[in-house]
Amino acid sequence: MTVLLQMTDVRRVHGRGGASVTALDNIDLVVSAGEFVAVMGPSGSGKSTLLHLAGGLDTPSSGSVGVAGLDIGSLGGSARAALRRKHVGYVFQDFNLLPTLTAGENVALPRELDGVRRHQARRDARTALREVDLADMIDRFPDEMSGGQQQRVAIARALVGDRRLVLADEPTGALDSATGELVLALLRSRADAGSAVVLVTHEARHAAWADRVVFLRDGRMVDTAGRDDAASLLVTQP
């Protein structure tokens, strides 16, 4: 099976000397095509840092991060950006939508930046927005939408096109339970279609959609379990 994300002995330290903080330490994680992995843990455990490294938004202090067979640490800034556009879909906690672009333009932008013609990019954006039940919002600007609608636009942007690695940082935080289940079903179907999906969540019921759950505490991976053990894993961690 094709490995789409490989983190080997990854360490991320912020600051220097006595003021340094270890956000991640000795992380080994492999996610293959078709696999849905949930990452759980308390606030400050390193979950978002792990996603930033996996998505090429940051580089490790030591160790290596490979995406689609490429070592992110060996790539320059422009090459990392190209890798993200082509292979990585990222759902940010704070949406990161461009306020001067419509929903359709926000979703189409990564496709256009990757060289897809505008007409095709717009068609892809409409399809992605339809998947999150927002096709009728394609011409709305972010400030004309609710927080939940903006979050769904951000999810559509992450799923548009052929993204082989989808990284989602608490993607259901601003959504009602029914819409949240829709989003989780979309992530599950993307994994079933052959992508690798990594979901950061603090809710065991969301982790239950995943094939595997890993648990972080104080920057270290302290446990792993199948989906049926997600609830007990969250409760029994020290």
C-alpha atoms as a PDB file:
ATOM      1  CA  MET A   1       0.000   0.000   0.000  1.00  0.00           C
ATOM      2  CA  THR A   2       1.289   3.478  -0.896  1.00  0.00           C
ATOM      3  CA  VAL A   3       2.550   5.510   2.052  1.00  0.00           C
ATOM      4  CA  LEU A   4       1.387   9.123   1.753  1.00  0.00           C
ATOM      5  CA  LEU A   5       2.609  10.465   5.103  1.00  0.00           C
ATOM      6  CA  GLN A   6       5.664   9.237   6.986  1.00  0.00           C
ATOM      7  CA  MET A   7       6.980  10.970  10.085  1.00  0.00           C
ATOM      8  CA  THR A   8      10.188   9.461  11.451  1.00  0.00           C
ATOM      9  CA  ASP A   9      11.621  10.397  14.863  1.00  0.00           C
ATOM     10  CA  VAL A  10      10.153  13.883  14.481  1.00  0.00           C
ATOM     11  CA  ARG A  11      10.974  16.527  17.065  1.00  0.00           C
ATOM     12  CA  ARG A  12       9.825  20.152  17.032  1.00  0.00           C
ATOM     13  CA  VAL A  13      11.285  22.617  19.523  1.00  0.00           C
ATOM     14  CA  HIS A  14      10.247  26.261  19.721  1.00  0.00           C
ATOM     15  CA  GLY A  15      12.729  28.771  21.105  1.00  0.00           C
ATOM     16  CA  ARG A  16      16.236  28.187  22.406  1.00  0.00           C
ATOM     17  CA  GLY A  17      18.013  27.451  25.631  1.00  0.00           C
ATOM     18  CA  GLY A  18      16.089  27.727  28.867  1.00  0.00           C
ATOM     19  CA  ALA A  19      13.127  29.310  27.055  1.00  0.00           C
ATOM     20  CA  SER A  20      12.705  26.414  24.624  1.00  0.00           C
ATOM     21  CA  VAL A  21       9.478  24.418  24.474  1.00  0.00           C
ATOM     22  CA  THR A  22       9.280  20.922  22.991  1.00  0.00           C
ATOM     23  CA  ALA A  23       6.010  20.746  21.044  1.00  0.00           C
ATOM     24  CA  LEU A  24       6.636  17.260  19.613  1.00  0.00           C
ATOM     25  CA  ASP A  25       9.151  14.625  20.611  1.00  0.00           C
ATOM     26  CA  ASN A  26      10.071  11.282  19.026  1.00  0.00           C
ATOM     27  CA  ILE A  27       6.997  11.049  16.779  1.00  0.00           C
ATOM     28  CA  ASP A  28       6.767   8.113  14.390  1.00  0.00           C
ATOM     29  CA  LEU A  29       3.640   7.989  12.247  1.00  0.00           C
ATOM     30  CA  VAL A  30       2.853   6.291   8.942  1.00  0.00           C
ATOM     31  CA  VAL A  31      -0.420   6.881   7.095  1.00  0.00           C
ATOM     32  CA  SER A  32      -1.110   4.978   3.892  1.00  0.00           C
ATOM     33  CA  ALA A  33      -3.467   5.553   0.978  1.00  0.00           C
ATOM     34  CA  GLY A  34      -7.012   4.646   1.972  1.00  0.00           C
ATOM     35  CA  GLU A  35      -6.399   5.115   5.695  1.00  0.00           C
ATOM     36  CA  PHE A  36      -8.235   7.492   8.032  1.00  0.00           C
ATOM     37  CA  VAL A  37      -6.286   8.317  11.210  1.00  0.00           C
ATOM     38  CA  ALA A  38      -7.611  10.398  14.103  1.00  0.00           C
ATOM     39  CA  VAL A  39      -5.243  12.251  16.437  1.00  0.00           C
ATOM     40  CA  MET A  40      -6.541  12.908  19.952  1.00  0.00           C
ATOM     41  CA  GLY A  41      -5.169  14.502  23.085  1.00  0.00           C
ATOM     42  CA  PRO A  42      -5.645  17.406  25.480  1.00  0.00           C
ATOM     43  CA  SER A  43      -4.963  21.036  24.579  1.00  0.00           C
ATOM     44  CA  GLY A  44      -1.239  21.666  24.212  1.00  0.00           C
ATOM     45  CA  SER A  45      -0.437  18.033  23.459  1.00  0.00           C
ATOM     46  CA  GLY A  46       1.000  18.831  20.006  1.00  0.00           C
ATOM     47  CA  LYS A  47      -1.915  17.905  17.735  1.00  0.00           C
ATOM     48  CA  SER A  48      -1.911  21.071  15.627  1.00  0.00           C
ATOM     49  CA  THR A  49       1.894  21.086  15.469  1.00  0.00           C
ATOM     50  CA  LEU A  50       1.785  17.565  14.077  1.00  0.00           C
ATOM     51  CA  LEU A  51      -0.604  18.695  11.322  1.00  0.00           C
ATOM     52  CA  HIS A  52       1.509  21.761  10.508  1.00  0.00           C
ATOM     53  CA  LEU A  53       4.529  19.521  10.002  1.00  0.00           C
ATOM     54  CA  ALA A  54       2.557  16.957   7.997  1.00  0.00           C
ATOM     55  CA  GLY A  55       1.263  19.709   5.710  1.00  0.00           C
ATOM     56  CA  GLY A  56       4.624  21.363   5.122  1.00  0.00           C
ATOM     57  CA  LEU A  57       3.575  24.537   6.949  1.00  0.00           C
ATOM     58  CA  ASP A  58       6.478  24.010   9.345  1.00  0.00           C
ATOM     59  CA  THR A  59       9.646  21.923   9.367  1.00  0.00           C
ATOM     60  CA  PRO A  60      10.891  19.634  12.160  1.00  0.00           C
ATOM     61  CA  SER A  61      13.801  20.523  14.424  1.00  0.00           C
ATOM     62  CA  SER A  62      15.012  16.967  13.809  1.00  0.00           C
ATOM     63  CA  GLY A  63      13.724  13.826  12.144  1.00  0.00           C
ATOM     64  CA  SER A  64      12.009  13.667   8.769  1.00  0.00           C
ATOM     65  CA  VAL A  65       8.555  14.223   7.293  1.00  0.00           C
ATOM     66  CA  GLY A  66       7.712  12.598   3.964  1.00  0.00           C
ATOM     67  CA  VAL A  67       4.619  13.398   1.892  1.00  0.00           C
ATOM     68  CA  ALA A  68       3.815  11.395  -1.247  1.00  0.00           C
ATOM     69  CA  GLY A  69       7.384  10.087  -1.262  1.00  0.00           C
ATOM     70  CA  LEU A  70       9.046  13.505  -0.946  1.00  0.00           C
ATOM     71  CA  ASP A  71      11.081  14.638   2.064  1.00  0.00           C
ATOM     72  CA  ILE A  72       9.570  18.013   2.998  1.00  0.00           C
ATOM     73  CA  GLY A  73      12.721  19.091   4.815  1.00  0.00           C
ATOM     74  CA  SER A  74      14.763  18.790   1.624  1.00  0.00           C
ATOM     75  CA  LEU A  75      12.445  21.051  -0.388  1.00  0.00           C
ATOM     76  CA  GLY A  76      12.693  24.803  -0.799  1.00  0.00           C
ATOM     77  CA  GLY A  77       9.797  27.095  -0.025  1.00  0.00           C
ATOM     78  CA  SER A  78       8.371  27.167  -3.552  1.00  0.00           C
ATOM     79  CA  ALA A  79       8.647  23.379  -3.913  1.00  0.00           C
ATOM     80  CA  ARG A  80       6.861  22.868  -0.583  1.00  0.00           C
ATOM     81  CA  ALA A  81       4.101  25.241  -1.698  1.00  0.00           C
ATOM     82  CA  ALA A  82       3.711  23.286  -4.947  1.00  0.00           C
ATOM     83  CA  LEU A  83       3.541  20.013  -3.002  1.00  0.00           C
ATOM     84  CA  ARG A  84       0.808  21.434  -0.766  1.00  0.00           C
ATOM     85  CA  ARG A  85      -1.231  22.708  -3.724  1.00  0.00           C
ATOM     86  CA  LYS A  86      -1.050  19.431  -5.582  1.00  0.00           C
ATOM     87  CA  HIS A  87      -1.202  16.781  -2.880  1.00  0.00           C
ATOM     88  CA  VAL A  88      -2.312  18.267   0.452  1.00  0.00           C
ATOM     89  CA  GLY A  89      -5.745  19.508   1.478  1.00  0.00           C
ATOM     90  CA  TYR A  90      -5.691  21.382   4.799  1.00  0.00           C
ATOM     91  CA  VAL A  91      -8.689  22.403   6.920  1.00  0.00           C
ATOM     92  CA  PHE A  92      -7.589  25.126   9.346  1.00  0.00           C
ATOM     93  CA  GLN A  93      -9.287  25.774  12.678  1.00  0.00           C
ATOM     94  CA  ASP A  94      -9.693  29.458  11.795  1.00  0.00           C
ATOM     95  CA  PHE A  95     -10.808  28.775   8.174  1.00  0.00           C
ATOM     96  CA  ASN A  96      -8.132  31.014   6.487  1.00  0.00           C
ATOM     97  CA  LEU A  97     -10.555  32.142   3.766  1.00  0.00           C
ATOM     98  CA  LEU A  98      -9.578  35.182   1.713  1.00  0.00           C
ATOM     99  CA  PRO A  99     -12.189  37.862   2.513  1.00  0.00           C
ATOM    100  CA  THR A 100     -12.010  39.533  -0.919  1.00  0.00           C
ATOM    101  CA  LEU A 101     -12.844  36.293  -2.772  1.00  0.00           C
ATOM    102  CA  THR A 102     -16.217  34.590  -3.049  1.00  0.00           C
ATOM    103  CA  ALA A 103     -16.760  31.066  -1.752  1.00  0.00           C
ATOM    104  CA  GLY A 104     -16.300  29.695  -5.256  1.00  0.00           C
ATOM    105  CA  GLU A 105     -13.128  31.706  -5.820  1.00  0.00           C
ATOM    106  CA  ASN A 106     -11.677  30.615  -2.470  1.00  0.00           C
ATOM    107  CA  VAL A 107     -12.268  26.959  -3.322  1.00  0.00           C
ATOM    108  CA  ALA A 108     -11.039  27.310  -6.919  1.00  0.00           C
ATOM    109  CA  LEU A 109      -7.862  29.207  -6.004  1.00  0.00           C
ATOM    110  CA  PRO A 110      -5.624  26.198  -5.200  1.00  0.00           C
ATOM    111  CA  ARG A 111      -6.614  24.601  -8.516  1.00  0.00           C
ATOM    112  CA  GLU A 112      -5.848  27.787 -10.467  1.00  0.00           C
ATOM    113  CA  LEU A 113      -2.507  28.196  -8.695  1.00  0.00           C
ATOM    114  CA  ASP A 114      -1.701  24.639  -9.728  1.00  0.00           C
ATOM    115  CA  GLY A 115      -2.249  25.513 -13.391  1.00  0.00           C
ATOM    116  CA  VAL A 116      -5.823  24.337 -13.872  1.00  0.00           C
ATOM    117  CA  ARG A 117      -7.773  26.560 -16.273  1.00  0.00           C
ATOM    118  CA  ARG A 118     -10.210  28.939 -14.602  1.00  0.00           C
ATOM    119  CA  HIS A 119     -13.297  27.362 -16.138  1.00  0.00           C
ATOM    120  CA  GLN A 120     -12.320  23.881 -14.926  1.00  0.00           C
ATOM    121  CA  ALA A 121     -11.257  25.200 -11.524  1.00  0.00           C
ATOM    122  CA  ARG A 122     -14.656  26.877 -11.159  1.00  0.00           C
ATOM    123  CA  ARG A 123     -16.400  23.621 -12.104  1.00  0.00           C
ATOM    124  CA  ASP A 124     -14.318  21.717  -9.540  1.00  0.00           C
ATOM    125  CA  ALA A 125     -15.171  24.341  -6.913  1.00  0.00           C
ATOM    126  CA  ARG A 126     -18.884  24.010  -7.592  1.00  0.00           C
ATOM    127  CA  THR A 127     -18.657  20.225  -7.208  1.00  0.00           C
ATOM    128  CA  ALA A 128     -16.759  20.559  -3.919  1.00  0.00           C
ATOM    129  CA  LEU A 129     -19.252  23.113  -2.570  1.00  0.00           C
ATOM    130  CA  ARG A 130     -22.125  20.831  -3.551  1.00  0.00           C
ATOM    131  CA  GLU A 131     -20.536  18.048  -1.462  1.00  0.00           C
ATOM    132  CA  VAL A 132     -20.763  20.257   1.640  1.00  0.00           C
ATOM    133  CA  ASP A 133     -24.284  21.432   0.712  1.00  0.00           C
ATOM    134  CA  LEU A 134     -23.229  24.986  -0.183  1.00  0.00           C
ATOM    135  CA  ALA A 135     -23.638  25.115  -3.964  1.00  0.00           C
ATOM    136  CA  ASP A 136     -26.040  28.054  -3.598  1.00  0.00           C
ATOM    137  CA  MET A 137     -23.348  30.062  -1.739  1.00  0.00           C
ATOM    138  CA  ILE A 138     -20.786  29.978  -4.531  1.00  0.00           C
ATOM    139  CA  ASP A 139     -20.972  33.743  -5.149  1.00  0.00           C
ATOM    140  CA  ARG A 140     -21.155  34.819  -1.497  1.00  0.00           C
ATOM    141  CA  PHE A 141     -18.231  36.470   0.270  1.00  0.00           C
ATOM    142  CA  PRO A 142     -17.049  35.126   3.638  1.00  0.00           C
ATOM    143  CA  ASP A 143     -18.530  38.045   5.606  1.00  0.00           C
ATOM    144  CA  GLU A 144     -21.915  37.202   4.075  1.00  0.00           C
ATOM    145  CA  MET A 145     -21.847  33.706   5.571  1.00  0.00           C
ATOM    146  CA  SER A 146     -22.164  32.270   9.058  1.00  0.00           C
ATOM    147  CA  GLY A 147     -19.190  30.725  10.839  1.00  0.00           C
ATOM    148  CA  GLY A 148     -20.466  27.238  10.057  1.00  0.00           C
ATOM    149  CA  GLN A 149     -20.866  28.079   6.374  1.00  0.00           C
ATOM    150  CA  GLN A 150     -17.349  29.519   6.250  1.00  0.00           C
ATOM    151  CA  GLN A 151     -16.024  26.334   7.809  1.00  0.00           C
ATOM    152  CA  ARG A 152     -17.755  24.248   5.159  1.00  0.00           C
ATOM    153  CA  VAL A 153     -16.200  26.426   2.440  1.00  0.00           C
ATOM    154  CA  ALA A 154     -12.790  25.783   4.017  1.00  0.00           C
ATOM    155  CA  ILE A 155     -13.521  22.046   3.962  1.00  0.00           C
ATOM    156  CA  ALA A 156     -14.566  22.214   0.298  1.00  0.00           C
ATOM    157  CA  ARG A 157     -11.297  23.980  -0.500  1.00  0.00           C
ATOM    158  CA  ALA A 158      -9.352  21.193   1.225  1.00  0.00           C
ATOM    159  CA  LEU A 159     -11.200  18.468  -0.692  1.00  0.00           C
ATOM    160  CA  VAL A 160     -11.264  20.060  -4.165  1.00  0.00           C
ATOM    161  CA  GLY A 161      -9.383  18.190  -6.880  1.00  0.00           C
ATOM    162  CA  ASP A 162      -7.212  15.133  -6.371  1.00  0.00           C
ATOM    163  CA  ARG A 163      -5.702  15.771  -2.941  1.00  0.00           C
ATOM    164  CA  ARG A 164      -3.958  12.604  -1.817  1.00  0.00           C
ATOM    165  CA  LEU A 165      -3.407  13.735   1.785  1.00  0.00           C
ATOM    166  CA  VAL A 166      -6.206  15.507   3.664  1.00  0.00           C
ATOM    167  CA  LEU A 167      -5.386  17.121   7.020  1.00  0.00           C
ATOM    168  CA  ALA A 168      -8.259  18.419   9.137  1.00  0.00           C
ATOM    169  CA  ASP A 169      -7.779  20.389  12.364  1.00  0.00           C
ATOM    170  CA  GLU A 170     -11.058  20.201  14.348  1.00  0.00           C
ATOM    171  CA  PRO A 171     -13.111  20.627  11.137  1.00  0.00           C
ATOM    172  CA  THR A 172     -16.512  20.375  12.830  1.00  0.00           C
ATOM    173  CA  GLY A 173     -15.943  22.977  15.556  1.00  0.00           C
ATOM    174  CA  ALA A 174     -18.382  25.571  14.148  1.00  0.00           C
ATOM    175  CA  LEU A 175     -20.924  23.091  12.791  1.00  0.00           C
ATOM    176  CA  ASP A 176     -24.144  21.667  14.167  1.00  0.00           C
ATOM    177  CA  SER A 177     -24.152  17.932  14.808  1.00  0.00           C
ATOM    178  CA  ALA A 178     -25.924  16.987  11.555  1.00  0.00           C
ATOM    179  CA  THR A 179     -23.566  19.036   9.364  1.00  0.00           C
ATOM    180  CA  GLY A 180     -20.612  17.761  11.365  1.00  0.00           C
ATOM    181  CA  GLU A 181     -21.630  14.198  10.567  1.00  0.00           C
ATOM    182  CA  LEU A 182     -21.864  15.150   6.875  1.00  0.00           C
ATOM    183  CA  VAL A 183     -18.301  16.459   6.961  1.00  0.00           C
ATOM    184  CA  LEU A 184     -16.986  13.356   8.724  1.00  0.00           C
ATOM    185  CA  ALA A 185     -18.756  11.162   6.175  1.00  0.00           C
ATOM    186  CA  LEU A 186     -17.041  13.155   3.401  1.00  0.00           C
ATOM    187  CA  LEU A 187     -13.636  12.605   5.010  1.00  0.00           C
ATOM    188  CA  ARG A 188     -14.422   8.899   5.399  1.00  0.00           C
ATOM    189  CA  SER A 189     -15.459   8.620   1.744  1.00  0.00           C
ATOM    190  CA  ARG A 190     -12.277  10.424   0.657  1.00  0.00           C
ATOM    191  CA  ALA A 191     -10.218   7.832   2.533  1.00  0.00           C
ATOM    192  CA  ASP A 192     -12.288   5.005   1.064  1.00  0.00           C
ATOM    193  CA  ALA A 193     -11.527   6.446  -2.394  1.00  0.00           C
ATOM    194  CA  GLY A 194      -7.782   6.147  -1.751  1.00  0.00           C
ATOM    195  CA  SER A 195      -6.645   9.333  -0.032  1.00  0.00           C
ATOM    196  CA  ALA A 196      -4.934   9.420   3.357  1.00  0.00           C
ATOM    197  CA  VAL A 197      -6.874  11.430   5.959  1.00  0.00           C
ATOM    198  CA  VAL A 198      -5.573  12.739   9.282  1.00  0.00           C
ATOM    199  CA  LEU A 199      -8.157  14.265  11.612  1.00  0.00           C
ATOM    200  CA  VAL A 200      -7.358  16.181  14.792  1.00  0.00           C
ATOM    201  CA  THR A 201     -10.273  15.962  17.207  1.00  0.00           C
ATOM    202  CA  HIS A 202     -11.035  15.974  20.916  1.00  0.00           C
ATOM    203  CA  GLU A 203     -14.295  14.027  20.512  1.00  0.00           C
ATOM    204  CA  ALA A 204     -14.280  10.234  20.620  1.00  0.00           C
ATOM    205  CA  ARG A 205     -17.473  10.050  18.525  1.00  0.00           C
ATOM    206  CA  HIS A 206     -15.636  11.807  15.704  1.00  0.00           C
ATOM    207  CA  ALA A 207     -12.579   9.591  16.080  1.00  0.00           C
ATOM    208  CA  ALA A 208     -14.912   6.606  15.684  1.00  0.00           C
ATOM    209  CA  TRP A 209     -15.015   7.359  11.944  1.00  0.00           C
ATOM    210  CA  ALA A 210     -11.287   6.615  11.701  1.00  0.00           C
ATOM    211  CA  ASP A 211      -9.496   3.315  11.124  1.00  0.00           C
ATOM    212  CA  ARG A 212      -6.912   4.108  13.776  1.00  0.00           C
ATOM    213  CA  VAL A 213      -6.609   6.550  16.651  1.00  0.00           C
ATOM    214  CA  VAL A 214      -3.323   7.883  18.030  1.00  0.00           C
ATOM    215  CA  PHE A 215      -3.158   9.754  21.304  1.00  0.00           C
ATOM    216  CA  LEU A 216      -0.709  12.559  22.104  1.00  0.00           C
ATOM    217  CA  ARG A 217       0.243  13.898  25.502  1.00  0.00           C
ATOM    218  CA  ASP A 218       2.938  16.508  26.151  1.00  0.00           C
ATOM    219  CA  GLY A 219       4.208  16.162  22.600  1.00  0.00           C
ATOM    220  CA  ARG A 220       4.619  12.400  22.686  1.00  0.00           C
ATOM    221  CA  MET A 221       2.586   9.624  21.128  1.00  0.00           C
ATOM    222  CA  VAL A 222       1.470   7.631  24.141  1.00  0.00           C
ATOM    223  CA  ASP A 223      -1.043   5.165  22.712  1.00  0.00           C
ATOM    224  CA  THR A 224      -2.790   3.900  19.607  1.00  0.00           C
ATOM    225  CA  ALA A 225      -5.981   1.943  19.053  1.00  0.00           C
ATOM    226  CA  GLY A 226      -8.562   0.862  16.526  1.00  0.00           C
ATOM    227  CA  ARG A 227     -11.786   2.819  16.099  1.00  0.00           C
ATOM    228  CA  ASP A 228     -13.772   0.659  18.538  1.00  0.00           C
ATOM    229  CA  ASP A 229     -11.437   1.661  21.377  1.00  0.00           C
ATOM    230  CA  ALA A 230     -11.480   5.423  20.756  1.00  0.00           C
ATOM    231  CA  ALA A 231     -13.807   6.300  23.647  1.00  0.00           C
ATOM    232  CA  SER A 232     -11.976   4.201  26.221  1.00  0.00           C
ATOM    233  CA  LEU A 233      -8.637   5.490  24.961  1.00  0.00           C
ATOM    234  CA  LEU A 234      -9.655   9.079  25.640  1.00  0.00           C
ATOM    235  CA  VAL A 235     -10.980   8.295  29.109  1.00  0.00           C
ATOM    236  CA  THR A 236      -8.164   6.094  30.363  1.00  0.00           C
ATOM    237  CA  GLN A 237      -5.156   8.235  29.403  1.00  0.00           C
ATOM    238  CA  PRO A 238      -3.259   9.418  32.502  1.00  0.00           C
END
